[in-house]
Protein backbone atom coordinates (compact mmCIF):
# COMPACT_ATOMS: atom_id res chain seq x y z
CA UNK A 1 85.49 112.68 75.22
CA UNK A 2 85.68 108.94 75.32
CA UNK A 3 85.12 106.53 78.15
CA UNK A 4 88.92 106.37 79.16
CA UNK A 5 89.35 110.10 79.42
CA UNK A 6 86.19 110.51 81.40
CA UNK A 7 87.20 107.78 83.93
CA UNK A 8 90.94 109.41 84.30
CA UNK A 9 89.14 112.83 85.30
CA UNK A 10 86.45 111.29 87.69
CA UNK A 11 89.69 109.37 89.39
CA UNK A 12 91.61 112.46 89.55
CA UNK A 13 88.82 114.20 91.03
CA UNK A 14 88.21 111.55 93.64
CA UNK A 15 92.07 111.59 94.50
CA UNK A 16 91.63 115.54 95.29
CA UNK A 17 88.30 115.46 97.35
CA UNK A 18 90.20 112.35 99.22
CA UNK A 19 93.27 114.29 99.99
CA UNK A 20 91.19 117.42 100.82
CA UNK A 21 89.52 115.36 103.37
CA UNK A 22 92.27 113.77 105.00
CA UNK A 23 94.42 116.94 105.54
CA UNK A 24 91.52 119.46 106.09
CA UNK A 25 88.85 117.85 107.87
CA UNK A 26 89.06 117.63 111.72
CA UNK A 27 86.68 114.74 112.08
CA UNK A 28 88.16 111.34 112.16
CA UNK A 29 85.36 109.55 110.51
CA UNK A 30 84.91 111.91 108.01
CA UNK A 31 89.12 111.42 107.76
CA UNK A 32 88.43 107.69 107.13
CA UNK A 33 85.65 108.05 104.56
CA UNK A 34 87.91 110.42 102.81
CA UNK A 35 90.69 108.04 102.82
CA UNK A 36 88.13 105.52 101.13
CA UNK A 37 87.57 108.18 98.49
CA UNK A 38 90.99 108.40 97.98
CA UNK A 39 91.70 104.67 97.50
CA UNK A 40 88.28 104.38 95.06
CA UNK A 41 90.02 107.06 92.95
CA UNK A 42 93.25 105.06 93.07
CA UNK A 43 91.53 102.06 91.85
CA UNK A 44 89.22 103.65 89.05
CA UNK A 45 92.54 105.21 87.77
CA UNK A 46 94.32 101.20 87.55
CA UNK A 47 91.13 100.01 85.84
CA UNK A 48 91.19 103.19 83.42
CA UNK A 49 95.16 102.53 82.74
CA UNK A 50 94.01 98.65 82.23
CA UNK A 51 91.12 99.42 79.94
CA UNK A 52 90.98 98.74 76.36
CA UNK A 53 88.33 97.48 74.15
CA UNK A 54 87.74 94.94 76.46
CA UNK A 55 87.48 91.69 74.77
CA UNK A 56 87.85 88.92 77.61
CA UNK A 57 88.47 85.94 76.09
CA UNK A 58 89.94 84.37 72.81
CA UNK A 59 86.64 83.27 70.70
CA UNK A 60 87.14 80.44 68.29
CA UNK A 61 87.97 82.26 65.04
CA UNK A 62 89.27 85.26 66.04
CA UNK A 63 92.54 86.22 64.94
CA UNK A 64 95.20 86.05 67.62
CA UNK A 65 96.95 89.60 66.88
CA UNK A 66 93.57 91.46 67.18
CA UNK A 67 92.90 89.73 70.53
CA UNK A 68 96.17 90.73 71.42
CA UNK A 69 95.39 94.49 70.37
CA UNK A 70 92.03 94.53 71.97
CA UNK A 71 92.00 92.66 75.24
CA UNK A 72 92.20 94.31 78.67
CA UNK A 73 95.31 94.54 80.14
CA UNK A 74 94.52 92.06 83.37
CA UNK A 75 97.62 92.83 85.80
CA UNK A 76 95.93 96.12 86.62
CA UNK A 77 92.60 94.74 87.43
CA UNK A 78 94.14 91.83 89.33
CA UNK A 79 95.86 94.82 91.42
CA UNK A 80 92.49 96.34 92.04
CA UNK A 81 91.13 93.57 93.26
CA UNK A 82 93.95 93.05 95.90
CA UNK A 83 93.74 96.57 96.95
CA UNK A 84 90.05 96.22 97.51
CA UNK A 85 90.76 93.46 99.97
CA UNK A 86 93.55 95.47 101.62
CA UNK A 87 90.92 98.46 101.83
CA UNK A 88 88.51 96.81 103.53
CA UNK A 89 90.80 95.00 106.09
CA UNK A 90 92.72 98.73 106.85
CA UNK A 91 88.85 100.07 107.07
CA UNK A 92 87.98 97.75 109.71
CA UNK A 93 91.20 98.54 111.58
CA UNK A 94 90.77 102.22 111.36
CA UNK A 95 86.87 101.75 112.66
CA UNK A 96 87.98 99.95 115.60
CA UNK A 97 90.85 102.28 116.61
CA UNK A 98 88.00 105.61 116.20
CA UNK A 99 85.75 103.59 118.33
CA UNK A 100 89.13 103.14 121.04
CA UNK A 101 89.46 106.91 120.33
CA UNK A 102 85.91 107.51 120.95
CA UNK A 103 85.66 105.42 124.18
CA UNK A 104 88.91 107.29 126.00
CA UNK A 105 88.20 110.93 124.67
CA UNK A 106 84.32 111.10 124.23
CA UNK A 107 85.10 112.98 121.07
CA UNK A 108 86.57 112.01 117.33
CA UNK A 109 87.82 115.34 117.00
CA UNK A 110 91.61 115.26 116.20
CA UNK A 111 92.42 118.46 117.03
CA UNK A 112 90.90 117.35 120.87
CA UNK A 113 92.64 113.83 120.55
CA UNK A 114 95.84 115.38 119.46
CA UNK A 115 96.07 118.37 121.86
CA UNK A 116 99.16 118.24 124.09
CA UNK A 117 98.57 118.05 127.61
């Protein structure tokens, strides 16, 4: 099994674990952690898509066609960097909302918070 296949399998497992946590776990903090795991799985999948034999720069004397065939695809790596910034902002907002919910309901169980009165 090569590196790229192992990365795809790992990213798929991370996405499945994240989705399970989002849909079947009752604690809000655990749901937030599951969303982070899901996001990391998506990031790993994007990096795996852009992975090639990783030649970062065109070295002197290197054939340009060899460089084009073996260099990494930079768009997916740029998307991952953007996604990391968005996830950090989203994590801060989610944790802030969870603090407010805890102060109001004195619990972080979503079944108690969403219970209709």
